[in-house]
Protein backbone atom coordinates (compact mmCIF):
# COMPACT_ATOMS: atom_id res chain seq x y z
CA MET A 1 0.25 0.03 0.24
CA ARG A 2 1.65 3.27 -1.17
CA THR A 3 2.09 6.41 1.55
CA GLU A 4 0.79 9.85 0.58
CA GLU A 5 4.44 10.70 -0.29
CA ASN A 6 4.90 7.58 -2.71
CA ARG A 7 1.52 8.56 -4.53
CA GLN A 8 2.93 12.00 -4.97
CA GLU A 9 6.04 10.47 -6.41
CA PHE A 10 4.33 8.32 -8.55
CA TYR A 11 1.99 10.81 -10.09
CA GLU A 12 5.17 13.34 -10.54
CA PHE A 13 6.86 10.39 -12.17
CA TRP A 14 3.93 10.09 -14.43
CA LEU A 15 3.70 13.53 -15.29
CA ALA A 16 7.52 13.94 -15.99
CA GLY A 17 7.72 11.22 -18.38
CA ILE A 18 4.97 12.05 -20.84
CA GLN A 19 6.58 12.49 -24.12
CA GLY A 20 5.18 15.18 -26.74
CA ILE A 21 4.28 17.72 -24.23
CA PRO A 22 7.21 20.32 -23.92
CA GLY A 23 8.77 21.23 -20.54
CA ARG A 24 6.98 24.75 -20.44
CA LYS A 25 3.63 23.63 -20.92
CA LYS A 26 4.00 20.84 -18.45
CA ILE A 27 5.08 23.70 -15.62
CA ARG A 28 2.17 25.35 -16.85
CA LEU A 29 -0.17 21.96 -16.31
CA LYS A 30 1.53 21.85 -12.66
CA SER A 31 0.54 25.63 -11.82
CA LEU A 32 -2.85 24.52 -12.64
CA PHE A 33 -3.20 21.17 -10.95
CA PRO A 34 -0.41 21.44 -8.14
CA GLU A 35 -1.30 17.58 -7.29
CA PRO A 36 -0.51 15.68 -10.31
CA LYS A 37 -3.03 13.12 -9.53
CA GLU A 38 -5.81 15.42 -10.47
CA LEU A 39 -4.52 16.10 -13.78
CA TYR A 40 -4.07 12.19 -14.16
CA ARG A 41 -7.79 11.42 -13.43
CA LEU A 42 -8.90 14.30 -15.61
CA LYS A 43 -11.97 13.61 -17.72
CA PRO A 44 -11.54 13.92 -21.68
CA ALA A 45 -14.09 16.72 -21.82
CA GLN A 46 -11.64 18.71 -19.07
CA VAL A 47 -8.84 17.73 -20.87
CA SER A 48 -10.12 19.48 -24.31
CA ARG A 49 -10.80 22.74 -22.23
CA ILE A 50 -7.22 23.19 -21.49
CA PRO A 51 -6.36 26.27 -23.45
CA PHE A 52 -2.66 26.25 -23.88
CA LEU A 53 -2.24 22.51 -25.14
CA THR A 54 -2.45 21.82 -29.12
CA ASP A 55 -5.09 19.32 -30.41
CA LEU A 56 -1.87 16.67 -30.91
CA GLU A 57 -0.64 17.57 -27.03
CA LYS A 58 -4.16 16.92 -25.77
CA GLU A 59 -3.84 13.54 -27.36
CA ARG A 60 -0.70 12.60 -25.56
CA LEU A 61 -2.25 13.32 -22.15
CA GLN A 62 -4.85 11.61 -22.90
CA GLU A 63 -2.80 8.69 -23.91
CA SER A 64 -0.54 8.98 -21.02
CA GLN A 65 -3.60 8.75 -18.52
CA ARG A 66 -4.37 5.47 -20.01
CA GLN A 67 -1.16 4.19 -19.00
CA PRO A 68 -1.48 1.17 -16.71
CA GLU A 69 -0.26 2.50 -13.11
CA ALA A 70 1.62 -1.18 -12.69
CA GLU A 71 4.03 0.14 -15.77
CA ILE A 72 4.17 3.68 -13.98
CA ALA A 73 5.40 1.64 -11.11
CA ARG A 74 8.14 -0.66 -13.22
CA GLN A 75 9.56 2.44 -14.57
CA ILE A 76 10.10 3.99 -11.09
CA GLU A 77 11.62 0.38 -10.05
CA THR A 78 13.83 0.86 -13.21
CA CYS A 79 15.22 3.82 -11.65
CA GLN A 80 15.68 2.83 -8.11
CA GLU A 81 17.67 -0.36 -9.21
CA THR A 82 20.10 1.90 -11.98
CA GLY A 83 20.55 4.51 -9.70
CA ILE A 84 18.62 7.03 -11.51
CA SER A 85 17.18 10.06 -9.94
CA LEU A 86 14.13 12.03 -10.83
CA VAL A 87 14.90 16.06 -10.18
CA LEU A 88 11.87 18.42 -10.60
CA ARG A 89 12.14 22.12 -11.71
CA GLU A 90 10.84 23.15 -8.53
CA ASP A 91 13.43 20.99 -6.59
CA ALA A 92 16.61 22.66 -4.64
CA SER A 93 19.18 20.54 -6.47
CA TYR A 94 17.49 21.51 -10.24
CA PRO A 95 20.51 23.38 -12.01
CA SER A 96 19.65 27.14 -11.67
CA ARG A 97 21.15 27.59 -15.55
CA LEU A 98 18.36 25.58 -16.67
CA ARG A 99 15.31 27.39 -14.71
CA ASP A 100 15.38 30.32 -17.12
CA ILE A 101 15.83 29.17 -20.60
CA TYR A 102 13.26 28.95 -23.01
CA ASN A 103 11.04 25.66 -22.71
CA PRO A 104 12.86 24.20 -19.42
CA PRO A 105 12.74 20.47 -18.69
CA TYR A 106 9.84 20.21 -16.19
CA ALA A 107 12.32 17.74 -14.33
CA LEU A 108 15.66 15.76 -15.13
CA TYR A 109 16.35 12.11 -15.08
CA CYS A 110 19.58 11.75 -13.64
CA ARG A 111 22.46 9.15 -12.90
CA GLY A 112 25.33 10.45 -10.90
CA SER A 113 25.14 13.79 -10.13
CA LEU A 114 24.34 17.29 -11.54
CA PRO A 115 26.50 20.15 -12.48
CA GLU A 116 27.15 22.12 -9.12
CA ASP A 117 25.60 25.91 -10.26
CA ALA A 118 28.78 27.36 -8.26
CA ARG A 119 31.13 25.99 -10.62
CA PRO A 120 31.87 27.35 -14.09
CA ALA A 121 30.82 25.00 -16.76
CA VAL A 122 32.03 24.60 -20.65
CA ALA A 123 30.29 22.58 -23.55
CA LEU A 124 32.48 20.77 -25.97
CA VAL A 125 30.58 19.65 -28.72
CA GLY A 126 31.55 18.83 -32.81
CA ALA A 127 31.17 16.20 -35.30
CA ARG A 128 30.86 12.36 -34.67
CA ASN A 129 32.89 11.50 -37.47
CA CYS A 130 35.99 14.10 -36.51
CA SER A 131 39.57 13.95 -37.89
CA PRO A 132 42.33 12.35 -35.40
CA TYR A 133 43.34 16.25 -34.93
CA GLY A 134 39.63 17.27 -33.98
CA LYS A 135 39.52 14.53 -31.34
CA ALA A 136 43.20 15.40 -30.12
CA VAL A 137 42.08 18.72 -29.48
CA ALA A 138 38.98 17.79 -27.84
CA LYS A 139 40.52 15.72 -25.33
CA SER A 140 43.33 18.07 -24.67
CA VAL A 141 41.07 20.78 -24.24
CA ALA A 142 38.76 19.06 -22.19
CA CYS A 143 41.72 17.94 -19.70
CA HIS A 144 42.87 21.65 -19.28
CA LEU A 145 39.63 22.69 -18.38
CA ALA A 146 38.73 19.90 -15.96
CA MET A 147 42.10 20.58 -14.28
CA ALA A 148 41.36 24.26 -13.97
CA GLY A 149 38.06 22.99 -11.98
CA LEU A 150 35.35 23.78 -14.55
CA SER A 151 32.75 21.31 -15.61
CA VAL A 152 32.73 19.91 -18.96
CA ILE A 153 29.31 19.42 -20.58
CA SER A 154 28.83 17.53 -24.08
CA GLY A 155 26.48 14.49 -25.35
CA LEU A 156 28.37 11.20 -24.92
CA ALA A 157 27.99 10.86 -28.98
CA ALA A 158 30.97 9.33 -31.02
CA GLY A 159 33.82 11.69 -31.99
CA ILE A 160 34.41 15.22 -30.47
CA ASP A 161 31.68 14.57 -27.62
CA GLY A 162 33.24 11.15 -26.33
CA ALA A 163 36.66 12.55 -26.42
CA ALA A 164 35.80 15.65 -24.60
CA HIS A 165 34.62 13.53 -21.70
CA GLN A 166 37.60 11.12 -22.09
CA GLY A 167 39.36 14.40 -21.70
CA ALA A 168 37.79 15.51 -18.64
CA LEU A 169 37.94 12.32 -16.85
CA ARG A 170 41.75 12.30 -17.60
CA GLY A 171 41.84 15.63 -16.00
CA GLY A 172 40.14 14.60 -13.09
CA GLY A 173 37.45 16.93 -13.26
CA GLN A 174 33.69 16.49 -13.42
CA THR A 175 31.96 15.66 -17.21
CA TYR A 176 28.15 15.54 -17.68
CA ALA A 177 26.60 14.02 -20.83
CA VAL A 178 23.24 14.92 -21.65
CA LEU A 179 21.36 12.32 -23.75
CA GLY A 180 18.66 12.15 -26.47
CA CYS A 181 17.44 8.81 -25.04
CA GLY A 182 16.45 7.48 -21.25
CA ALA A 183 19.48 8.12 -18.55
CA ASP A 184 19.46 4.39 -18.76
CA VAL A 185 20.06 3.69 -22.24
CA CYS A 186 23.69 3.97 -23.37
CA TYR A 187 23.89 5.38 -26.98
CA PRO A 188 26.17 4.68 -28.49
CA ALA A 189 26.38 0.99 -27.51
CA GLY A 190 30.25 0.93 -27.58
CA HIS A 191 30.69 4.03 -25.10
CA ARG A 192 29.65 1.89 -22.26
CA GLN A 193 32.71 2.15 -20.26
CA LEU A 194 32.49 5.78 -20.98
CA TYR A 195 29.19 6.06 -19.76
CA GLU A 196 29.76 4.31 -16.68
CA ALA A 197 32.78 6.50 -15.92
CA LEU A 198 30.45 9.72 -16.34
CA ALA A 199 28.02 8.12 -13.57
CA MET A 200 31.37 8.03 -10.97
CA GLN A 201 32.64 11.26 -12.00
CA GLY A 202 30.17 13.68 -12.96
CA GLY A 203 26.62 12.32 -14.39
CA VAL A 204 24.23 11.33 -17.24
CA ILE A 205 21.22 13.59 -17.81
CA SER A 206 18.22 13.19 -19.66
CA GLU A 207 14.43 14.87 -19.84
CA TYR A 208 13.35 11.47 -21.46
CA PRO A 209 12.06 8.86 -19.03
CA PRO A 210 13.75 5.47 -18.59
CA GLY A 211 13.66 3.46 -21.89
CA ALA A 212 13.05 6.26 -24.39
CA LYS A 213 14.77 5.27 -27.38
CA PRO A 214 17.65 7.92 -29.20
CA LEU A 215 15.10 9.30 -31.72
CA PRO A 216 16.77 11.63 -34.45
CA MET A 217 13.95 14.02 -33.18
CA ASN A 218 15.49 14.30 -29.60
CA PHE A 219 18.90 15.30 -30.16
CA PRO A 220 18.04 18.66 -31.53
CA GLN A 221 16.26 19.41 -28.29
CA ARG A 222 18.35 18.10 -25.83
CA ASN A 223 21.40 20.54 -27.34
CA ARG A 224 19.40 23.27 -25.79
CA LEU A 225 20.40 21.58 -22.49
CA ILE A 226 23.80 21.04 -23.27
CA SER A 227 24.11 24.65 -24.22
CA GLY A 228 21.90 25.87 -21.00
CA LEU A 229 24.07 23.86 -18.35
CA SER A 230 27.28 25.75 -19.74
CA ASP A 231 28.51 29.27 -19.44
CA ALA A 232 29.92 29.09 -22.67
CA VAL A 233 29.81 26.42 -25.52
CA LEU A 234 33.39 25.55 -27.52
CA VAL A 235 32.54 23.92 -31.10
CA VAL A 236 35.77 21.61 -31.84
CA GLU A 237 34.62 20.92 -35.47
CA ALA A 238 31.47 20.63 -37.32
CA ARG A 239 30.42 20.71 -40.78
CA GLU A 240 28.53 23.34 -42.81
CA LYS A 241 25.07 21.70 -41.62
CA SER A 242 25.85 19.93 -38.19
CA GLY A 243 23.90 19.21 -34.78
CA SER A 244 26.81 21.19 -33.07
CA LEU A 245 25.75 24.61 -34.83
CA ILE A 246 22.48 24.07 -33.63
CA THR A 247 23.88 24.00 -30.10
CA ALA A 248 25.75 27.10 -30.80
CA ASP A 249 22.45 28.64 -31.76
CA PHE A 250 20.87 27.55 -28.62
CA ALA A 251 23.94 29.18 -26.65
CA LEU A 252 23.21 32.59 -28.25
CA GLU A 253 19.77 32.45 -27.66
CA GLN A 254 20.17 31.90 -23.92
CA GLY A 255 23.07 34.72 -24.02
CA LYS A 256 26.26 32.45 -23.86
CA GLU A 257 29.68 32.86 -25.13
CA VAL A 258 30.25 30.63 -28.47
CA TYR A 259 33.50 29.97 -29.59
CA ALA A 260 35.12 27.79 -32.41
CA VAL A 261 38.20 26.22 -32.89
CA PRO A 262 39.49 27.19 -36.67
CA GLY A 263 40.50 24.48 -39.27
CA ARG A 264 42.09 24.39 -42.53
CA VAL A 265 39.70 25.66 -45.42
CA SER A 266 40.22 22.56 -47.17
CA ASP A 267 38.67 20.20 -44.43
CA ALA A 268 35.18 19.87 -44.35
CA ALA A 269 34.87 19.03 -40.96
CA SER A 270 36.04 22.70 -40.45
CA GLY A 271 33.52 24.22 -42.30
CA GLY A 272 31.19 24.92 -39.88
CA THR A 273 33.72 26.09 -37.22
CA ASN A 274 35.00 28.30 -39.94
CA ARG A 275 31.79 29.82 -40.75
CA LEU A 276 31.06 30.68 -36.98
CA ILE A 277 34.37 32.12 -36.65
CA ARG A 278 33.44 34.75 -39.84
CA GLN A 279 29.81 35.43 -38.38
CA GLY A 280 31.66 36.80 -34.99
CA ALA A 281 32.30 33.65 -32.85
CA GLY A 282 35.20 33.92 -30.61
CA ILE A 283 38.42 32.26 -31.95
CA PHE A 284 39.94 29.41 -29.66
CA LEU A 285 43.75 29.71 -29.81
CA SER A 286 44.53 27.76 -26.39
CA ALA A 287 42.91 26.49 -23.38
CA GLU A 288 44.80 29.18 -21.37
CA ASP A 289 43.92 31.93 -23.56
CA PHE A 290 40.34 30.82 -23.34
CA LEU A 291 40.12 30.26 -19.70
CA GLY A 292 41.69 33.49 -18.92
CA GLU A 293 39.50 35.12 -21.71
CA LEU A 294 36.51 34.08 -20.10
CA GLY A 295 37.53 34.99 -16.47
CA PHE A 296 37.42 31.44 -15.36
CA PHE A 297 41.15 31.45 -13.25
CA ALA A 298 39.75 33.33 -10.13
CA GLY A 299 41.06 31.68 -7.10
CA LYS A 300 42.23 28.67 -9.36
CA GLN A 301 45.49 27.40 -10.58
CA ARG A 302 46.26 27.57 -14.08
CA PRO A 303 46.57 24.17 -15.72
CA SER A 304 50.08 24.78 -16.84
CA SER A 305 50.96 25.02 -13.12
CA MET A 306 49.51 21.23 -12.74
CA LYS A 307 51.06 19.70 -15.62
CA PRO A 308 53.19 16.73 -14.85
CA LYS A 309 56.92 17.80 -15.93
CA ILE A 310 58.57 15.08 -17.99
CA THR A 311 62.16 14.72 -18.94
CA LEU A 312 63.23 13.45 -22.75
CA GLU A 313 66.18 11.94 -23.94
CA LYS A 314 67.66 13.58 -27.07
CA LEU A 315 66.38 11.16 -29.68
CA GLU A 316 62.73 11.03 -27.67
CA MET A 317 62.83 15.07 -27.57
CA LEU A 318 63.35 14.93 -31.88
CA LEU A 319 60.73 12.69 -32.29
CA TYR A 320 58.30 14.33 -30.02
CA SER A 321 59.18 17.46 -31.99
CA CYS A 322 57.89 15.93 -35.21
CA LEU A 323 54.56 15.20 -33.77
CA GLY A 324 51.64 17.25 -33.55
CA PHE A 325 47.66 16.52 -33.46
CA ASN A 326 47.77 15.41 -37.23
CA PRO A 327 48.64 11.73 -37.39
CA LYS A 328 52.11 10.81 -38.60
CA ASN A 329 53.00 7.42 -39.78
CA LEU A 330 56.48 5.52 -39.22
CA ASP A 331 57.66 6.07 -42.43
CA ASP A 332 56.76 10.12 -42.22
CA LEU A 333 58.75 9.91 -39.01
CA MET A 334 61.89 8.09 -40.38
CA GLU A 335 61.79 10.25 -43.34
CA GLU A 336 62.02 13.65 -41.17
CA THR A 337 64.16 12.21 -38.21
CA ALA A 338 66.67 10.28 -40.28
CA LEU A 339 66.59 7.32 -38.07
CA PRO A 340 66.44 3.76 -38.58
CA LEU A 341 62.92 2.20 -37.86
CA GLU A 342 64.38 0.10 -34.99
CA ALA A 343 65.42 3.47 -33.42
CA VAL A 344 61.85 5.21 -33.95
CA LEU A 345 59.83 2.24 -32.43
CA ALA A 346 62.34 2.28 -29.40
CA ASN A 347 61.83 5.74 -28.52
CA LEU A 348 58.01 6.10 -29.63
CA SER A 349 57.22 3.14 -27.02
CA SER A 350 59.25 5.10 -24.38
CA LEU A 351 57.58 8.18 -25.45
CA GLN A 352 54.22 6.14 -24.99
CA GLU A 353 55.20 5.07 -21.44
CA LYS A 354 55.68 8.53 -20.32
CA GLY A 355 52.04 9.62 -21.97
CA CYS A 356 53.73 11.95 -24.49
CA VAL A 357 52.73 9.80 -27.25
CA SER A 358 49.49 8.32 -28.78
CA GLU A 359 48.99 5.71 -31.15
CA ILE A 360 45.63 6.54 -32.67
CA TYR A 361 45.34 3.62 -35.10
CA LYS A 362 48.02 0.80 -36.25
CA ASN A 363 51.30 2.99 -36.77
CA TYR A 364 49.72 6.30 -36.65
CA PHE A 365 50.93 8.73 -33.72
CA VAL A 366 50.17 12.13 -32.67
CA ARG A 367 51.17 14.19 -29.40
CA ALA A 368 48.93 13.38 -26.06
CA GLU A 369 46.65 15.73 -24.59
CA ILE A 370 48.72 17.28 -21.72
CA VAL A 371 52.66 17.30 -21.67
CA GLU A 372 55.11 19.60 -20.23
CA LEU A 373 58.82 18.99 -20.54
CA GLN A 374 61.44 19.96 -18.36
């Protein structure tokens, strides 16, 4: 038998989980019906008289009223079993950055924690089909931001998003993924390890109920939350028509700063970022410059003061100086250093052990994210 408190939670969960009604309208419904159970039990004639709902939204409400209570109870159990909490807009823990955006979520489903209001936050977004350069830049920047004490917000997608989360985790900071599906759904499936790490060192956030599938129409809407949770948005790589540009548009509507990493004019993956810069976005030059420009250094160490000091031998330094964020293969490195294959392999191996170099795919190498040499 449910207690009164449990019944209230039950109907709040029901209202939060109705798909097809925007958050801003759910908030208005709550103002009309402070007890969601009243809304759950409305007659069709009463639903038809709600003035601000469209005909389709009224249909969605009536469909949800026919949802068996046992099914709603199972969803609540799923949240409890998977460690997902429901945070209503009226709750103190609801992120203040989202309260006043256009169409704020009525509620958030969260696995892990929510971003702290007092901690500065930056969104890093970009192309799924990114270049090795873009991925390396995203990891490096996110690591710097995390080391400087900022939260890193992104969307868990393949490419730039995943790299941003990985960099922030490596920097020991907090990073949060906003999903276009239920918070219990890992999408893409290949990011399972990253998804689990986020729940421990940040959080996984969604406005969609448990079990909601990653439908294409969900992702443009979730982008408003990525920008909304952030103080600034950095687009690392994006094509001319990209979901990342939707995030940038939301950020501008919300009064947030937008920055972009410039790229080569011949690279399709940089078409969107270069156009953003042409339209007035800030130009990203370095993590330290970016943090300083946004004024996020107050009371915190600069990332450069926290980097590990690494000593390189002469041949290691020679190889390291030939590498950047664009991958080079063994033939390139042998030609540029005039070293035999054995020496190149041996020194690359030691550079990898010291964390200075990464092999991004077979026999192709780039510089690692954070290195300060003595």
